[in-house]
Amino acid sequence: MRFANHRTVERIRATYPKGTRVELLKMSDPQAPPPGTRGTVVGVDDTASLIMVWDNGSRLNVIYGEDIVRRL
C-alpha cells in the first residue's frame, strides 16, 4: 500500500469533493461491490482514501493506490 503525502491528500479532496459520483472499476477486497457499481463520495480521509456510500448499500472505502474508480 502506498501512503499519500499531504499534497496528494489535498489534490484528491479537490478532485473528489463530497457528493461526487463515481463508478467502481477495480477493488481488491473479497467484500467489494462488483465492478460497475456506482456510488457517492462522502469524504476523503487522511490517507487519501475515498469514504463511500455505494448504491448497493455497501460502505467500503476506495483505498488510495489500490482501488480504481472513475468520476461520473
Protein backbone atom coordinates (compact mmCIF):
# COMPACT_ATOMS: atom_id res chain seq x y z
CA MET A 1 0.00 0.00 0.00
CA ARG A 2 1.25 3.46 -0.89
CA PHE A 3 0.80 6.26 1.60
CA ALA A 4 -0.20 9.68 0.34
CA ASN A 5 1.56 12.85 1.42
CA HIS A 6 -0.34 15.98 2.45
CA ARG A 7 -0.22 17.49 -1.04
CA THR A 8 -1.70 14.32 -2.55
CA VAL A 9 -4.46 14.18 0.05
CA GLU A 10 -5.43 17.77 -0.74
CA ARG A 11 -5.40 17.03 -4.50
CA ILE A 12 -7.67 14.01 -4.02
CA ARG A 13 -10.02 16.09 -1.83
CA ALA A 14 -10.23 18.72 -4.57
CA THR A 15 -10.82 16.10 -7.28
CA TYR A 16 -13.43 14.13 -5.32
CA PRO A 17 -15.40 16.59 -3.18
CA LYS A 18 -18.35 15.39 -1.11
CA GLY A 19 -21.21 14.39 -3.40
CA THR A 20 -19.03 13.32 -6.34
CA ARG A 21 -20.47 10.31 -8.16
CA VAL A 22 -18.08 7.53 -9.16
CA GLU A 23 -18.17 4.11 -10.80
CA LEU A 24 -16.08 1.25 -9.43
CA LEU A 25 -13.63 -0.22 -11.93
CA LYS A 26 -11.48 -2.41 -9.62
CA MET A 27 -11.35 -3.13 -5.91
CA SER A 28 -9.05 -5.67 -4.24
CA ASP A 29 -11.31 -6.86 -1.44
CA PRO A 30 -13.43 -10.00 -1.15
CA GLN A 31 -16.29 -7.85 0.20
CA ALA A 32 -16.07 -5.39 -2.74
CA PRO A 33 -19.10 -4.37 -4.71
CA PRO A 34 -18.95 -5.68 -8.28
CA PRO A 35 -17.20 -3.60 -10.96
CA GLY A 36 -19.65 -1.12 -12.45
CA THR A 37 -21.27 -0.33 -9.10
CA ARG A 38 -21.87 3.38 -8.68
CA GLY A 39 -21.64 5.37 -5.51
CA THR A 40 -21.28 8.76 -3.85
CA VAL A 41 -18.18 10.16 -2.16
CA VAL A 42 -18.96 11.37 1.36
CA GLY A 43 -15.40 12.42 2.18
CA VAL A 44 -11.68 11.80 1.82
CA ASP A 45 -9.69 10.61 4.82
CA ASP A 46 -6.10 11.49 5.77
CA THR A 47 -4.74 8.56 3.73
CA ALA A 48 -6.45 9.89 0.55
CA SER A 49 -8.98 7.04 0.59
CA LEU A 50 -12.48 7.89 -0.61
CA ILE A 51 -15.16 7.41 2.04
CA MET A 52 -18.06 5.95 0.09
CA VAL A 53 -21.73 5.12 0.11
CA TRP A 54 -22.34 2.68 -2.74
CA ASP A 55 -25.73 2.48 -4.44
CA ASN A 56 -26.00 -1.20 -3.42
CA GLY A 57 -25.74 -0.23 0.28
CA SER A 58 -22.05 -1.06 0.79
CA ARG A 59 -19.85 1.46 2.58
CA LEU A 60 -16.46 0.00 1.67
CA ASN A 61 -13.91 2.79 1.10
CA VAL A 62 -11.86 3.21 -2.07
CA ILE A 63 -8.23 2.75 -0.97
CA TYR A 64 -5.72 5.16 -2.50
CA GLY A 65 -3.17 3.37 -4.68
CA GLU A 66 -5.09 0.07 -4.62
CA ASP A 67 -8.63 0.51 -5.92
CA ILE A 68 -9.77 2.23 -9.12
CA VAL A 69 -12.85 4.37 -9.74
CA ARG A 70 -13.85 6.87 -12.38
CA ARG A 71 -15.76 10.09 -11.90
CA LEU A 72 -19.19 10.25 -13.50
